[in-house]
Amino acid sequence: SRRTKKLSPIAAAFLLGLILGRFFPS
């Protein structure tokens, strides 16, 4: 059995911010 963990909305928003900050300067 493979168990996947879902990201919380806050963690998802944080990761998205990191990704956008990496590819699109502030």
PDB file of all heavy atoms in Angstrom:
ATOM      1  N   SER A   1       0.842  -1.187   0.000  1.00  0.00           N
ATOM      2  CA  SER A   1       0.000   0.000   0.000  1.00  0.00           C
ATOM      3  C   SER A   1       0.883   1.246   0.000  1.00  0.00           C
ATOM      4  O   SER A   1       1.831   1.345   0.768  1.00  0.00           O
ATOM      5  CB  SER A   1      -0.900  -0.038   1.235  1.00  0.00           C
ATOM      6  OG  SER A   1      -1.272   1.234   1.596  1.00  0.00           O
ATOM      7  N   ARG A   2       0.532   2.136  -0.861  1.00  0.00           N
ATOM      8  CA  ARG A   2       1.301   3.383  -0.952  1.00  0.00           C
ATOM      9  C   ARG A   2       0.441   4.510  -0.418  1.00  0.00           C
ATOM     10  O   ARG A   2      -0.657   4.740  -0.910  1.00  0.00           O
ATOM     11  CB  ARG A   2       1.677   3.629  -2.404  1.00  0.00           C
ATOM     12  CG  ARG A   2       2.593   4.774  -2.539  1.00  0.00           C
ATOM     13  CD  ARG A   2       2.964   4.919  -3.971  1.00  0.00           C
ATOM     14  NE  ARG A   2       4.328   5.383  -4.018  1.00  0.00           N
ATOM     15  CZ  ARG A   2       4.978   5.597  -5.110  1.00  0.00           C
ATOM     16  NH1 ARG A   2       4.427   5.317  -6.252  1.00  0.00           N
ATOM     17  NH2 ARG A   2       6.195   6.042  -5.092  1.00  0.00           N
ATOM     18  N   ARG A   3       0.909   5.178   0.541  1.00  0.00           N
ATOM     19  CA  ARG A   3       0.149   6.239   1.172  1.00  0.00           C
ATOM     20  C   ARG A   3       0.686   7.586   0.676  1.00  0.00           C
ATOM     21  O   ARG A   3       1.883   7.846   0.733  1.00  0.00           O
ATOM     22  CB  ARG A   3       0.338   6.141   2.668  1.00  0.00           C
ATOM     23  CG  ARG A   3      -0.660   6.900   3.421  1.00  0.00           C
ATOM     24  CD  ARG A   3      -0.582   6.433   4.860  1.00  0.00           C
ATOM     25  NE  ARG A   3      -1.835   6.737   5.479  1.00  0.00           N
ATOM     26  CZ  ARG A   3      -1.947   7.273   6.652  1.00  0.00           C
ATOM     27  NH1 ARG A   3      -0.880   7.497   7.383  1.00  0.00           N
ATOM     28  NH2 ARG A   3      -3.120   7.550   7.143  1.00  0.00           N
ATOM     29  N   THR A   4      -0.201   8.418   0.150  1.00  0.00           N
ATOM     30  CA  THR A   4       0.220   9.744  -0.291  1.00  0.00           C
ATOM     31  C   THR A   4      -0.305  10.775   0.676  1.00  0.00           C
ATOM     32  O   THR A   4      -1.415  10.667   1.181  1.00  0.00           O
ATOM     33  CB  THR A   4      -0.309  10.072  -1.702  1.00  0.00           C
ATOM     34  OG1 THR A   4      -1.711   9.985  -1.695  1.00  0.00           O
ATOM     35  CG2 THR A   4       0.290   9.146  -2.732  1.00  0.00           C
ATOM     36  N   LYS A   5       0.499  11.749   0.918  1.00  0.00           N
ATOM     37  CA  LYS A   5       0.125  12.813   1.818  1.00  0.00           C
ATOM     38  C   LYS A   5      -0.256  14.034   0.996  1.00  0.00           C
ATOM     39  O   LYS A   5       0.448  14.409   0.073  1.00  0.00           O
ATOM     40  CB  LYS A   5       1.325  13.145   2.707  1.00  0.00           C
ATOM     41  CG  LYS A   5       0.967  13.578   4.055  1.00  0.00           C
ATOM     42  CD  LYS A   5       2.234  13.733   4.869  1.00  0.00           C
ATOM     43  CE  LYS A   5       1.843  13.792   6.321  1.00  0.00           C
ATOM     44  NZ  LYS A   5       2.982  13.957   7.181  1.00  0.00           N
ATOM     45  N   LYS A   6      -1.368  14.643   1.328  1.00  0.00           N
ATOM     46  CA  LYS A   6      -1.808  15.850   0.625  1.00  0.00           C
ATOM     47  C   LYS A   6      -1.195  17.070   1.297  1.00  0.00           C
ATOM     48  O   LYS A   6      -1.026  17.105   2.514  1.00  0.00           O
ATOM     49  CB  LYS A   6      -3.328  15.962   0.652  1.00  0.00           C
ATOM     50  CG  LYS A   6      -4.005  14.923  -0.181  1.00  0.00           C
ATOM     51  CD  LYS A   6      -5.480  15.175  -0.210  1.00  0.00           C
ATOM     52  CE  LYS A   6      -6.158  14.116  -1.059  1.00  0.00           C
ATOM     53  NZ  LYS A   6      -7.587  14.305  -1.125  1.00  0.00           N
ATOM     54  N   LEU A   7      -0.876  18.042   0.459  1.00  0.00           N
ATOM     55  CA  LEU A   7      -0.360  19.305   0.986  1.00  0.00           C
ATOM     56  C   LEU A   7      -1.503  20.139   1.536  1.00  0.00           C
ATOM     57  O   LEU A   7      -2.590  20.190   0.957  1.00  0.00           O
ATOM     58  CB  LEU A   7       0.317  20.114  -0.116  1.00  0.00           C
ATOM     59  CG  LEU A   7       1.669  19.655  -0.611  1.00  0.00           C
ATOM     60  CD1 LEU A   7       2.128  20.542  -1.758  1.00  0.00           C
ATOM     61  CD2 LEU A   7       2.688  19.684   0.504  1.00  0.00           C
ATOM     62  N   SER A   8      -1.246  20.810   2.616  1.00  0.00           N
ATOM     63  CA  SER A   8      -2.246  21.753   3.124  1.00  0.00           C
ATOM     64  C   SER A   8      -2.284  22.949   2.166  1.00  0.00           C
ATOM     65  O   SER A   8      -1.303  23.223   1.456  1.00  0.00           O
ATOM     66  CB  SER A   8      -1.874  22.218   4.527  1.00  0.00           C
ATOM     67  OG  SER A   8      -0.777  23.109   4.469  1.00  0.00           O
ATOM     68  N   PRO A   9      -3.387  23.670   2.138  1.00  0.00           N
ATOM     69  CA  PRO A   9      -3.451  24.851   1.262  1.00  0.00           C
ATOM     70  C   PRO A   9      -2.337  25.857   1.550  1.00  0.00           C
ATOM     71  O   PRO A   9      -1.804  26.474   0.649  1.00  0.00           O
ATOM     72  CB  PRO A   9      -4.831  25.444   1.565  1.00  0.00           C
ATOM     73  CG  PRO A   9      -5.647  24.296   2.070  1.00  0.00           C
ATOM     74  CD  PRO A   9      -4.666  23.407   2.793  1.00  0.00           C
ATOM     75  N   ILE A  10      -1.957  25.989   2.799  1.00  0.00           N
ATOM     76  CA  ILE A  10      -0.897  26.937   3.150  1.00  0.00           C
ATOM     77  C   ILE A  10       0.443  26.465   2.592  1.00  0.00           C
ATOM     78  O   ILE A  10       1.201  27.244   2.005  1.00  0.00           O
ATOM     79  CB  ILE A  10      -0.817  27.125   4.683  1.00  0.00           C
ATOM     80  CG1 ILE A  10      -2.093  27.827   5.171  1.00  0.00           C
ATOM     81  CG2 ILE A  10       0.428  27.901   5.078  1.00  0.00           C
ATOM     82  CD1 ILE A  10      -2.232  27.900   6.657  1.00  0.00           C
ATOM     83  N   ALA A  11       0.719  25.174   2.738  1.00  0.00           N
ATOM     84  CA  ALA A  11       1.974  24.629   2.200  1.00  0.00           C
ATOM     85  C   ALA A  11       1.997  24.733   0.680  1.00  0.00           C
ATOM     86  O   ALA A  11       3.034  25.067   0.084  1.00  0.00           O
ATOM     87  CB  ALA A  11       2.144  23.174   2.639  1.00  0.00           C
ATOM     88  N   ALA A  12       0.865  24.473   0.038  1.00  0.00           N
ATOM     89  CA  ALA A  12       0.788  24.578  -1.429  1.00  0.00           C
ATOM     90  C   ALA A  12       1.049  26.015  -1.875  1.00  0.00           C
ATOM     91  O   ALA A  12       1.775  26.259  -2.842  1.00  0.00           O
ATOM     92  CB  ALA A  12      -0.568  24.092  -1.931  1.00  0.00           C
ATOM     93  N   ALA A  13       0.448  26.974  -1.184  1.00  0.00           N
ATOM     94  CA  ALA A  13       0.651  28.383  -1.529  1.00  0.00           C
ATOM     95  C   ALA A  13       2.111  28.779  -1.339  1.00  0.00           C
ATOM     96  O   ALA A  13       2.684  29.502  -2.153  1.00  0.00           O
ATOM     97  CB  ALA A  13      -0.258  29.270  -0.681  1.00  0.00           C
ATOM     98  N   PHE A  14       2.727  28.278  -0.272  1.00  0.00           N
ATOM     99  CA  PHE A  14       4.134  28.563  -0.012  1.00  0.00           C
ATOM    100  C   PHE A  14       5.019  28.020  -1.139  1.00  0.00           C
ATOM    101  O   PHE A  14       5.893  28.710  -1.652  1.00  0.00           O
ATOM    102  CB  PHE A  14       4.550  27.975   1.337  1.00  0.00           C
ATOM    103  CG  PHE A  14       6.002  28.156   1.648  1.00  0.00           C
ATOM    104  CD1 PHE A  14       6.496  29.385   2.042  1.00  0.00           C
ATOM    105  CD2 PHE A  14       6.888  27.093   1.528  1.00  0.00           C
ATOM    106  CE1 PHE A  14       7.845  29.566   2.316  1.00  0.00           C
ATOM    107  CE2 PHE A  14       8.235  27.256   1.795  1.00  0.00           C
ATOM    108  CZ  PHE A  14       8.710  28.496   2.192  1.00  0.00           C
ATOM    109  N   LEU A  15       4.781  26.767  -1.514  1.00  0.00           N
ATOM    110  CA  LEU A  15       5.567  26.163  -2.595  1.00  0.00           C
ATOM    111  C   LEU A  15       5.373  26.903  -3.914  1.00  0.00           C
ATOM    112  O   LEU A  15       6.326  27.140  -4.642  1.00  0.00           O
ATOM    113  CB  LEU A  15       5.199  24.689  -2.769  1.00  0.00           C
ATOM    114  CG  LEU A  15       5.766  23.753  -1.712  1.00  0.00           C
ATOM    115  CD1 LEU A  15       5.199  22.349  -1.883  1.00  0.00           C
ATOM    116  CD2 LEU A  15       7.276  23.725  -1.787  1.00  0.00           C
ATOM    117  N   LEU A  16       4.138  27.270  -4.212  1.00  0.00           N
ATOM    118  CA  LEU A  16       3.863  28.031  -5.434  1.00  0.00           C
ATOM    119  C   LEU A  16       4.616  29.356  -5.408  1.00  0.00           C
ATOM    120  O   LEU A  16       5.215  29.770  -6.399  1.00  0.00           O
ATOM    121  CB  LEU A  16       2.365  28.261  -5.612  1.00  0.00           C
ATOM    122  CG  LEU A  16       1.958  29.015  -6.869  1.00  0.00           C
ATOM    123  CD1 LEU A  16       2.377  28.246  -8.129  1.00  0.00           C
ATOM    124  CD2 LEU A  16       0.462  29.258  -6.876  1.00  0.00           C
ATOM    125  N   GLY A  17       4.634  30.016  -4.259  1.00  0.00           N
ATOM    126  CA  GLY A  17       5.373  31.268  -4.117  1.00  0.00           C
ATOM    127  C   GLY A  17       6.854  31.087  -4.367  1.00  0.00           C
ATOM    128  O   GLY A  17       7.500  31.897  -5.025  1.00  0.00           O
ATOM    129  N   LEU A  18       7.413  29.996  -3.850  1.00  0.00           N
ATOM    130  CA  LEU A  18       8.825  29.709  -4.088  1.00  0.00           C
ATOM    131  C   LEU A  18       9.102  29.485  -5.571  1.00  0.00           C
ATOM    132  O   LEU A  18      10.081  29.998  -6.116  1.00  0.00           O
ATOM    133  CB  LEU A  18       9.255  28.459  -3.306  1.00  0.00           C
ATOM    134  CG  LEU A  18       9.473  28.629  -1.815  1.00  0.00           C
ATOM    135  CD1 LEU A  18       9.790  27.274  -1.173  1.00  0.00           C
ATOM    136  CD2 LEU A  18      10.584  29.615  -1.537  1.00  0.00           C
ATOM    137  N   ILE A  19       8.243  28.707  -6.212  1.00  0.00           N
ATOM    138  CA  ILE A  19       8.424  28.415  -7.636  1.00  0.00           C
ATOM    139  C   ILE A  19       8.320  29.688  -8.460  1.00  0.00           C
ATOM    140  O   ILE A  19       9.175  29.968  -9.301  1.00  0.00           O
ATOM    141  CB  ILE A  19       7.399  27.367  -8.113  1.00  0.00           C
ATOM    142  CG1 ILE A  19       7.718  26.015  -7.471  1.00  0.00           C
ATOM    143  CG2 ILE A  19       7.386  27.259  -9.633  1.00  0.00           C
ATOM    144  CD1 ILE A  19       6.616  24.976  -7.608  1.00  0.00           C
ATOM    145  N   LEU A  20       7.273  30.485  -8.213  1.00  0.00           N
ATOM    146  CA  LEU A  20       7.104  31.727  -8.979  1.00  0.00           C
ATOM    147  C   LEU A  20       8.243  32.691  -8.703  1.00  0.00           C
ATOM    148  O   LEU A  20       8.714  33.376  -9.607  1.00  0.00           O
ATOM    149  CB  LEU A  20       5.755  32.376  -8.667  1.00  0.00           C
ATOM    150  CG  LEU A  20       4.543  31.639  -9.212  1.00  0.00           C
ATOM    151  CD1 LEU A  20       3.261  32.333  -8.764  1.00  0.00           C
ATOM    152  CD2 LEU A  20       4.590  31.543 -10.717  1.00  0.00           C
ATOM    153  N   GLY A  21       8.699  32.762  -7.455  1.00  0.00           N
ATOM    154  CA  GLY A  21       9.818  33.636  -7.116  1.00  0.00           C
ATOM    155  C   GLY A  21      11.099  33.215  -7.817  1.00  0.00           C
ATOM    156  O   GLY A  21      11.920  34.035  -8.175  1.00  0.00           O
ATOM    157  N   ARG A  22      11.251  31.943  -8.053  1.00  0.00           N
ATOM    158  CA  ARG A  22      12.445  31.418  -8.730  1.00  0.00           C
ATOM    159  C   ARG A  22      12.453  31.780 -10.208  1.00  0.00           C
ATOM    160  O   ARG A  22      13.478  32.116 -10.769  1.00  0.00           O
ATOM    161  CB  ARG A  22      12.472  29.889  -8.544  1.00  0.00           C
ATOM    162  CG  ARG A  22      13.441  29.159  -9.406  1.00  0.00           C
ATOM    163  CD  ARG A  22      14.809  29.097  -8.745  1.00  0.00           C
ATOM    164  NE  ARG A  22      15.682  28.194  -9.466  1.00  0.00           N
ATOM    165  CZ  ARG A  22      16.551  28.593 -10.369  1.00  0.00           C
ATOM    166  NH1 ARG A  22      16.680  29.849 -10.650  1.00  0.00           N
ATOM    167  NH2 ARG A  22      17.317  27.720 -10.986  1.00  0.00           N
ATOM    168  N   PHE A  23      11.290  31.682 -10.840  1.00  0.00           N
ATOM    169  CA  PHE A  23      11.213  31.898 -12.278  1.00  0.00           C
ATOM    170  C   PHE A  23      10.787  33.298 -12.673  1.00  0.00           C
ATOM    171  O   PHE A  23      10.989  33.710 -13.790  1.00  0.00           O
ATOM    172  CB  PHE A  23      10.276  30.873 -12.924  1.00  0.00           C
ATOM    173  CG  PHE A  23      10.800  29.471 -12.809  1.00  0.00           C
ATOM    174  CD1 PHE A  23      10.218  28.565 -11.943  1.00  0.00           C
ATOM    175  CD2 PHE A  23      11.917  29.065 -13.524  1.00  0.00           C
ATOM    176  CE1 PHE A  23      10.712  27.279 -11.823  1.00  0.00           C
ATOM    177  CE2 PHE A  23      12.418  27.783 -13.403  1.00  0.00           C
ATOM    178  CZ  PHE A  23      11.820  26.885 -12.545  1.00  0.00           C
ATOM    179  N   PHE A  24      10.175  34.033 -11.777  1.00  0.00           N
ATOM    180  CA  PHE A  24       9.718  35.391 -12.069  1.00  0.00           C
ATOM    181  C   PHE A  24      10.212  36.291 -10.967  1.00  0.00           C
ATOM    182  O   PHE A  24       9.712  36.248  -9.853  1.00  0.00           O
ATOM    183  CB  PHE A  24       8.184  35.469 -12.140  1.00  0.00           C
ATOM    184  CG  PHE A  24       7.603  34.593 -13.207  1.00  0.00           C
ATOM    185  CD1 PHE A  24       7.026  33.380 -12.893  1.00  0.00           C
ATOM    186  CD2 PHE A  24       7.651  34.981 -14.535  1.00  0.00           C
ATOM    187  CE1 PHE A  24       6.507  32.562 -13.878  1.00  0.00           C
ATOM    188  CE2 PHE A  24       7.134  34.167 -15.518  1.00  0.00           C
ATOM    189  CZ  PHE A  24       6.556  32.956 -15.191  1.00  0.00           C
ATOM    190  N   PRO A  25      11.210  37.124 -11.242  1.00  0.00           N
ATOM    191  CA  PRO A  25      11.749  38.004 -10.210  1.00  0.00           C
ATOM    192  C   PRO A  25      10.653  38.845  -9.575  1.00  0.00           C
ATOM    193  O   PRO A  25       9.677  39.202 -10.213  1.00  0.00           O
ATOM    194  CB  PRO A  25      12.743  38.892 -10.976  1.00  0.00           C
ATOM    195  CG  PRO A  25      13.027  38.164 -12.230  1.00  0.00           C
ATOM    196  CD  PRO A  25      11.829  37.316 -12.530  1.00  0.00           C
ATOM    197  N   SER A  26      10.841  39.185  -8.315  1.00  0.00           N
ATOM    198  CA  SER A  26       9.802  39.886  -7.564  1.00  0.00           C
ATOM    199  C   SER A  26       9.528  41.293  -8.087  1.00  0.00           C
ATOM    200  O   SER A  26       8.478  41.842  -7.818  1.00  0.00           O
ATOM    201  CB  SER A  26      10.192  39.959  -6.091  1.00  0.00           C
ATOM    202  OG  SER A  26      11.409  40.666  -5.957  1.00  0.00           O
TER     203      SER A  26
END
